[in-house]
C-alpha cells in the first residue's frame, strides 16, 4: 500500500483524508454515546438510592402516625413509645439514604470528558497536519 500511496494524486489524498475524518467523527460520536450511557447508568443508581431513601422516610412517617394513634388510643407509654422509637429509626435511615443518593448525584459528571479530550487531541492533530 506504500507504493500506491506514492502514486496517488493530491485530490485522491484529500478524498481519503475526508473519508478518514468522517470515520473519525463517527467513532467520536459513538464514543460519546457510550460514555454518556455509562454515566447515566451511574446517575440512575444514585437516583434509585435517593428514591429508596424517600420511600423509607415515607414508611417512617406512616409508623410515626401509627405511634400517635396508638398513643392516643392507649394512653399507655410502652406501645406508643416503642412505635415512636421505630419511626425515628426508620426516618433516620431514610434520611441518611436520601443524603447519600443526592451526594452521589452531585459528584456524577455527565459530560463525556474522555470524548471531549479525544476531540481536542484530534483537532490539535488535524491542525498540525494541515499546517
N, C-alpha and C. Protein backbone atom coordinates (compact mmCIF):
# COMPACT_ATOMS: atom_id res chain seq x y z
N UNK A 1 0.82 -1.19 0.00
CA UNK A 1 0.00 0.00 0.00
C UNK A 1 0.87 1.25 0.00
N UNK A 2 2.12 1.15 0.48
CA UNK A 2 3.01 2.29 0.49
C UNK A 2 3.30 2.74 -0.94
N UNK A 3 3.45 1.76 -1.89
CA UNK A 3 3.71 2.13 -3.28
C UNK A 3 2.50 2.86 -3.86
N UNK A 4 1.32 2.39 -3.53
CA UNK A 4 0.10 3.01 -4.02
C UNK A 4 -0.04 4.42 -3.49
N UNK A 5 0.36 4.63 -2.23
CA UNK A 5 0.25 5.95 -1.62
C UNK A 5 1.14 6.95 -2.35
N UNK A 6 2.27 6.49 -2.84
CA UNK A 6 3.19 7.39 -3.53
C UNK A 6 2.64 7.81 -4.90
N UNK A 7 1.80 6.97 -5.50
CA UNK A 7 1.29 7.24 -6.85
C UNK A 7 -0.03 8.01 -6.82
N UNK A 8 -0.58 8.25 -5.67
CA UNK A 8 -1.88 8.92 -5.61
C UNK A 8 -1.74 10.42 -5.84
N UNK A 9 -2.77 10.94 -6.47
CA UNK A 9 -2.78 12.38 -6.72
C UNK A 9 -3.20 13.13 -5.46
N UNK A 10 -3.02 14.43 -5.50
CA UNK A 10 -3.39 15.27 -4.37
C UNK A 10 -4.89 15.17 -4.11
N UNK A 11 -5.69 15.12 -5.15
CA UNK A 11 -7.15 15.02 -4.97
C UNK A 11 -7.52 13.67 -4.33
N UNK A 12 -6.81 12.60 -4.69
CA UNK A 12 -7.07 11.30 -4.07
C UNK A 12 -6.69 11.32 -2.59
N UNK A 13 -5.60 11.98 -2.28
CA UNK A 13 -5.19 12.09 -0.88
C UNK A 13 -6.20 12.89 -0.07
N UNK A 14 -6.70 13.99 -0.63
CA UNK A 14 -7.72 14.78 0.07
C UNK A 14 -9.02 14.00 0.22
N UNK A 15 -9.36 13.21 -0.79
CA UNK A 15 -10.57 12.38 -0.69
C UNK A 15 -10.42 11.36 0.43
N UNK A 16 -9.25 10.74 0.52
CA UNK A 16 -9.01 9.78 1.61
C UNK A 16 -9.03 10.48 2.97
N UNK A 17 -8.43 11.65 3.03
CA UNK A 17 -8.45 12.42 4.27
C UNK A 17 -9.88 12.73 4.68
N UNK A 18 -10.70 13.09 3.72
CA UNK A 18 -12.11 13.38 4.00
C UNK A 18 -12.83 12.14 4.53
N UNK A 19 -12.59 10.99 3.89
CA UNK A 19 -13.23 9.75 4.35
C UNK A 19 -12.76 9.38 5.75
N UNK A 20 -11.46 9.48 5.97
CA UNK A 20 -10.91 9.13 7.28
C UNK A 20 -11.40 10.08 8.37
N UNK A 21 -11.51 11.36 8.04
CA UNK A 21 -12.02 12.34 9.00
C UNK A 21 -13.48 12.04 9.33
N UNK A 22 -14.25 11.69 8.32
CA UNK A 22 -15.65 11.34 8.53
C UNK A 22 -15.77 10.11 9.43
N UNK A 23 -14.94 9.11 9.18
CA UNK A 23 -14.93 7.91 10.02
C UNK A 23 -14.54 8.26 11.46
N UNK A 24 -13.54 9.11 11.59
CA UNK A 24 -13.08 9.53 12.92
C UNK A 24 -14.20 10.24 13.68
N UNK A 25 -14.92 11.12 13.01
CA UNK A 25 -16.03 11.83 13.66
C UNK A 25 -17.12 10.85 14.08
N UNK A 26 -17.44 9.90 13.23
CA UNK A 26 -18.45 8.89 13.60
C UNK A 26 -18.02 8.09 14.82
N UNK A 27 -16.74 7.71 14.86
CA UNK A 27 -16.22 6.96 16.01
C UNK A 27 -16.25 7.82 17.28
N UNK A 28 -15.96 9.11 17.16
CA UNK A 28 -16.01 10.01 18.31
C UNK A 28 -17.44 10.12 18.84
N UNK A 29 -18.41 10.20 17.94
CA UNK A 29 -19.81 10.25 18.35
C UNK A 29 -20.20 8.95 19.04
N UNK A 30 -19.75 7.84 18.52
CA UNK A 30 -20.01 6.54 19.14
C UNK A 30 -19.40 6.48 20.54
N UNK A 31 -18.19 6.98 20.69
CA UNK A 31 -17.54 7.02 21.99
C UNK A 31 -18.32 7.91 22.96
N UNK A 32 -18.78 9.06 22.49
CA UNK A 32 -19.55 9.97 23.35
C UNK A 32 -20.85 9.30 23.80
N UNK A 33 -21.50 8.60 22.89
CA UNK A 33 -22.74 7.89 23.24
C UNK A 33 -22.48 6.83 24.30
N UNK A 34 -21.43 6.07 24.13
CA UNK A 34 -21.07 5.02 25.10
C UNK A 34 -20.76 5.63 26.46
N UNK A 35 -20.00 6.70 26.46
CA UNK A 35 -19.61 7.35 27.71
C UNK A 35 -20.83 7.94 28.43
N UNK A 36 -21.72 8.58 27.68
CA UNK A 36 -22.92 9.17 28.28
C UNK A 36 -23.82 8.07 28.86
N UNK A 37 -23.93 6.95 28.16
CA UNK A 37 -24.75 5.84 28.65
C UNK A 37 -24.21 5.32 29.98
N UNK A 38 -22.89 5.19 30.06
CA UNK A 38 -22.25 4.72 31.30
C UNK A 38 -22.52 5.69 32.45
N UNK A 39 -22.38 6.98 32.18
CA UNK A 39 -22.57 7.98 33.23
C UNK A 39 -24.03 8.10 33.64
N UNK A 40 -24.95 7.96 32.69
CA UNK A 40 -26.37 8.00 33.04
C UNK A 40 -26.78 6.78 33.86
N UNK A 41 -26.15 5.64 33.59
CA UNK A 41 -26.43 4.44 34.37
C UNK A 41 -26.00 4.67 35.83
N UNK A 42 -24.85 5.29 36.03
CA UNK A 42 -24.38 5.61 37.38
C UNK A 42 -25.34 6.58 38.07
N UNK A 43 -25.74 7.62 37.34
CA UNK A 43 -26.68 8.59 37.91
C UNK A 43 -28.01 7.93 38.26
N UNK A 44 -28.44 6.98 37.44
CA UNK A 44 -29.68 6.25 37.72
C UNK A 44 -29.59 5.46 39.01
N UNK A 45 -28.42 4.88 39.27
CA UNK A 45 -28.22 4.15 40.53
C UNK A 45 -28.33 5.07 41.73
N UNK A 46 -27.74 6.26 41.62
CA UNK A 46 -27.84 7.23 42.72
C UNK A 46 -29.28 7.71 42.90
N UNK A 47 -29.97 7.92 41.80
CA UNK A 47 -31.37 8.34 41.89
C UNK A 47 -32.21 7.24 42.54
N UNK A 48 -31.89 5.98 42.25
CA UNK A 48 -32.60 4.87 42.87
C UNK A 48 -32.38 4.83 44.38
N UNK A 49 -31.14 5.10 44.79
CA UNK A 49 -30.84 5.15 46.23
C UNK A 49 -31.62 6.28 46.89
N UNK A 50 -31.67 7.45 46.25
CA UNK A 50 -32.43 8.57 46.80
C UNK A 50 -33.92 8.23 46.86
N UNK A 51 -34.42 7.56 45.84
CA UNK A 51 -35.83 7.15 45.83
C UNK A 51 -36.13 6.15 46.93
N UNK A 52 -35.24 5.19 47.13
CA UNK A 52 -35.42 4.21 48.21
C UNK A 52 -35.40 4.90 49.56
N UNK A 53 -34.50 5.85 49.73
CA UNK A 53 -34.45 6.62 50.98
C UNK A 53 -35.73 7.38 51.20
N UNK A 54 -36.27 7.97 50.15
CA UNK A 54 -37.55 8.68 50.26
C UNK A 54 -38.69 7.75 50.64
N UNK A 55 -38.69 6.56 50.08
CA UNK A 55 -39.72 5.58 50.42
C UNK A 55 -39.61 5.16 51.89
N UNK A 56 -38.38 4.97 52.36
CA UNK A 56 -38.18 4.62 53.77
C UNK A 56 -38.61 5.76 54.70
N UNK A 57 -38.32 6.99 54.30
CA UNK A 57 -38.77 8.13 55.10
C UNK A 57 -40.29 8.19 55.14
N UNK A 58 -40.93 7.88 54.03
CA UNK A 58 -42.39 7.84 53.99
C UNK A 58 -42.93 6.74 54.91
N UNK A 59 -42.30 5.57 54.85
CA UNK A 59 -42.71 4.48 55.74
C UNK A 59 -42.53 4.90 57.20
N UNK A 60 -41.45 5.62 57.48
CA UNK A 60 -41.23 6.13 58.84
C UNK A 60 -42.32 7.08 59.26
N UNK A 61 -42.76 7.91 58.35
CA UNK A 61 -43.86 8.83 58.66
C UNK A 61 -45.13 8.05 58.97
N UNK A 62 -45.39 7.00 58.21
CA UNK A 62 -46.57 6.18 58.49
C UNK A 62 -46.47 5.51 59.86
N UNK A 63 -45.28 5.05 60.21
CA UNK A 63 -45.09 4.43 61.52
C UNK A 63 -45.25 5.48 62.61
N UNK A 64 -44.76 6.69 62.36
CA UNK A 64 -44.91 7.78 63.32
C UNK A 64 -46.40 8.08 63.53
N UNK A 65 -47.15 8.09 62.49
CA UNK A 65 -48.59 8.31 62.62
C UNK A 65 -49.26 7.16 63.39
N UNK A 66 -48.80 5.96 63.13
CA UNK A 66 -49.34 4.82 63.89
C UNK A 66 -48.99 4.97 65.37
N UNK A 67 -47.81 5.50 65.67
CA UNK A 67 -47.42 5.71 67.06
C UNK A 67 -48.33 6.74 67.72
N UNK A 68 -48.67 7.78 67.00
CA UNK A 68 -49.57 8.79 67.55
C UNK A 68 -50.95 8.17 67.81
N UNK A 69 -51.41 7.39 66.86
CA UNK A 69 -52.71 6.74 67.02
C UNK A 69 -52.69 5.80 68.23
N UNK A 70 -51.64 4.98 68.32
CA UNK A 70 -51.53 4.06 69.47
C UNK A 70 -51.43 4.83 70.79
N UNK A 71 -50.70 5.91 70.76
CA UNK A 71 -50.55 6.71 71.99
C UNK A 71 -51.86 7.30 72.44
N UNK A 72 -52.61 7.80 71.49
CA UNK A 72 -53.90 8.38 71.84
C UNK A 72 -54.89 7.30 72.26
N UNK A 73 -54.87 6.19 71.60
CA UNK A 73 -55.83 5.12 71.90
C UNK A 73 -55.54 4.47 73.24
N UNK A 74 -54.33 4.26 73.50
CA UNK A 74 -53.97 3.52 74.71
C UNK A 74 -53.64 4.42 75.89
N UNK A 75 -53.06 5.55 75.58
CA UNK A 75 -52.53 6.43 76.60
C UNK A 75 -51.58 5.70 77.54
N UNK A 76 -51.01 4.65 76.98
CA UNK A 76 -50.01 3.89 77.74
C UNK A 76 -48.65 4.06 77.07
N UNK A 77 -47.66 4.33 77.85
CA UNK A 77 -46.34 4.63 77.31
C UNK A 77 -45.73 3.48 76.52
N UNK A 78 -45.75 2.26 76.95
CA UNK A 78 -44.99 1.23 76.26
C UNK A 78 -45.33 1.04 74.77
N UNK A 79 -46.53 0.91 74.34
CA UNK A 79 -46.86 0.64 72.93
C UNK A 79 -46.50 1.83 72.04
N UNK A 80 -46.85 2.98 72.47
CA UNK A 80 -46.60 4.15 71.62
C UNK A 80 -45.14 4.54 71.60
N UNK A 81 -44.49 4.36 72.73
CA UNK A 81 -43.08 4.70 72.76
C UNK A 81 -42.27 3.76 71.85
N UNK A 82 -42.66 2.50 71.89
CA UNK A 82 -41.94 1.57 71.01
C UNK A 82 -42.18 1.90 69.53
N UNK A 83 -43.41 2.25 69.18
CA UNK A 83 -43.70 2.64 67.79
C UNK A 83 -42.97 3.93 67.43
N UNK A 84 -42.88 4.86 68.38
CA UNK A 84 -42.18 6.12 68.14
C UNK A 84 -40.68 5.88 67.90
N UNK A 85 -40.11 5.00 68.69
CA UNK A 85 -38.68 4.68 68.51
C UNK A 85 -38.43 4.08 67.14
N UNK A 86 -39.30 3.14 66.74
CA UNK A 86 -39.16 2.52 65.42
C UNK A 86 -39.29 3.58 64.32
N UNK A 87 -40.25 4.48 64.48
CA UNK A 87 -40.46 5.53 63.46
C UNK A 87 -39.23 6.42 63.34
N UNK A 88 -38.66 6.82 64.47
CA UNK A 88 -37.49 7.70 64.43
C UNK A 88 -36.32 6.99 63.76
N UNK A 89 -36.13 5.72 64.06
CA UNK A 89 -35.02 4.98 63.45
C UNK A 89 -35.23 4.86 61.92
N UNK A 90 -36.45 4.53 61.50
CA UNK A 90 -36.71 4.37 60.07
C UNK A 90 -36.55 5.70 59.34
N UNK A 91 -37.03 6.78 59.94
CA UNK A 91 -36.87 8.10 59.32
C UNK A 91 -35.38 8.46 59.23
N UNK A 92 -34.62 8.18 60.26
CA UNK A 92 -33.18 8.48 60.24
C UNK A 92 -32.47 7.69 59.14
N UNK A 93 -32.80 6.42 58.98
CA UNK A 93 -32.19 5.61 57.92
C UNK A 93 -32.59 6.15 56.55
N UNK A 94 -33.87 6.48 56.39
CA UNK A 94 -34.35 7.04 55.12
C UNK A 94 -33.66 8.35 54.79
N UNK A 95 -33.54 9.22 55.78
CA UNK A 95 -32.88 10.49 55.58
C UNK A 95 -31.42 10.29 55.18
N UNK A 96 -30.77 9.36 55.83
CA UNK A 96 -29.37 9.06 55.51
C UNK A 96 -29.24 8.57 54.07
N UNK A 97 -30.14 7.73 53.63
CA UNK A 97 -30.09 7.22 52.26
C UNK A 97 -30.36 8.32 51.24
N UNK A 98 -31.30 9.20 51.53
CA UNK A 98 -31.58 10.31 50.62
C UNK A 98 -30.34 11.18 50.48
N UNK A 99 -29.71 11.52 51.59
CA UNK A 99 -28.50 12.35 51.55
C UNK A 99 -27.38 11.66 50.76
N UNK A 100 -27.21 10.36 50.97
CA UNK A 100 -26.17 9.62 50.26
C UNK A 100 -26.44 9.63 48.75
N UNK A 101 -27.68 9.37 48.38
CA UNK A 101 -28.04 9.36 46.95
C UNK A 101 -27.85 10.72 46.30
N UNK A 102 -28.29 11.78 46.98
CA UNK A 102 -28.14 13.13 46.43
C UNK A 102 -26.68 13.53 46.35
N UNK A 103 -25.90 13.13 47.34
CA UNK A 103 -24.47 13.42 47.32
C UNK A 103 -23.81 12.72 46.13
N UNK A 104 -24.20 11.48 45.89
CA UNK A 104 -23.66 10.76 44.74
C UNK A 104 -24.05 11.40 43.43
N UNK A 105 -25.28 11.91 43.35
CA UNK A 105 -25.72 12.59 42.13
C UNK A 105 -24.92 13.87 41.90
N UNK A 106 -24.61 14.58 42.97
CA UNK A 106 -23.84 15.83 42.83
C UNK A 106 -22.43 15.56 42.30
N UNK A 107 -21.85 14.42 42.63
CA UNK A 107 -20.48 14.13 42.20
C UNK A 107 -20.41 13.41 40.86
N UNK A 108 -21.56 13.05 40.30
CA UNK A 108 -21.58 12.39 39.00
C UNK A 108 -21.47 13.42 37.90
N UNK A 109 -20.46 13.28 37.05
CA UNK A 109 -20.24 14.20 35.94
C UNK A 109 -20.84 13.57 34.69
N UNK A 110 -21.77 14.28 34.08
CA UNK A 110 -22.45 13.74 32.90
C UNK A 110 -21.77 14.11 31.59
N UNK A 111 -20.85 15.05 31.63
CA UNK A 111 -20.16 15.44 30.40
C UNK A 111 -19.23 14.31 29.96
N UNK A 112 -19.20 14.02 28.66
CA UNK A 112 -18.32 12.95 28.15
C UNK A 112 -16.87 13.43 28.09
N UNK A 113 -16.21 13.45 29.23
CA UNK A 113 -14.87 14.05 29.32
C UNK A 113 -13.84 13.32 28.46
N UNK A 114 -13.89 12.01 28.40
CA UNK A 114 -12.91 11.29 27.58
C UNK A 114 -13.10 11.64 26.10
N UNK A 115 -14.35 11.76 25.67
CA UNK A 115 -14.62 12.10 24.28
C UNK A 115 -14.17 13.53 23.99
N UNK A 116 -14.42 14.44 24.91
CA UNK A 116 -14.01 15.83 24.72
C UNK A 116 -12.49 15.90 24.59
N UNK A 117 -11.79 15.20 25.47
CA UNK A 117 -10.32 15.17 25.39
C UNK A 117 -9.86 14.60 24.05
N UNK A 118 -10.51 13.53 23.62
CA UNK A 118 -10.14 12.91 22.35
C UNK A 118 -10.40 13.85 21.18
N UNK A 119 -11.53 14.58 21.22
CA UNK A 119 -11.83 15.54 20.16
C UNK A 119 -10.81 16.68 20.13
N UNK A 120 -10.40 17.13 21.32
CA UNK A 120 -9.38 18.18 21.38
C UNK A 120 -8.07 17.68 20.77
N UNK A 121 -7.72 16.43 21.10
CA UNK A 121 -6.49 15.85 20.55
C UNK A 121 -6.59 15.73 19.03
N UNK A 122 -7.75 15.30 18.55
CA UNK A 122 -7.95 15.17 17.11
C UNK A 122 -7.87 16.53 16.43
N UNK A 123 -8.48 17.54 17.02
CA UNK A 123 -8.42 18.88 16.44
C UNK A 123 -6.99 19.39 16.41
N UNK A 124 -6.25 19.13 17.47
CA UNK A 124 -4.86 19.56 17.52
C UNK A 124 -4.05 18.84 16.44
N UNK A 125 -4.27 17.54 16.31
CA UNK A 125 -3.55 16.77 15.32
C UNK A 125 -3.91 17.23 13.91
N UNK A 126 -5.19 17.47 13.66
CA UNK A 126 -5.65 17.90 12.34
C UNK A 126 -5.06 19.25 11.98
N UNK A 127 -5.03 20.18 12.95
CA UNK A 127 -4.48 21.50 12.65
C UNK A 127 -2.98 21.43 12.38
N UNK A 128 -2.28 20.49 13.03
CA UNK A 128 -0.85 20.34 12.77
C UNK A 128 -0.57 19.74 11.41
N UNK A 129 -1.44 18.81 10.96
CA UNK A 129 -1.22 18.16 9.66
C UNK A 129 -1.55 19.09 8.51
N UNK A 130 -2.43 20.06 8.73
CA UNK A 130 -2.80 21.00 7.67
C UNK A 130 -1.77 22.13 7.53
N UNK A 131 -1.03 22.35 8.60
CA UNK A 131 -0.07 23.47 8.58
C UNK A 131 1.18 23.16 7.80
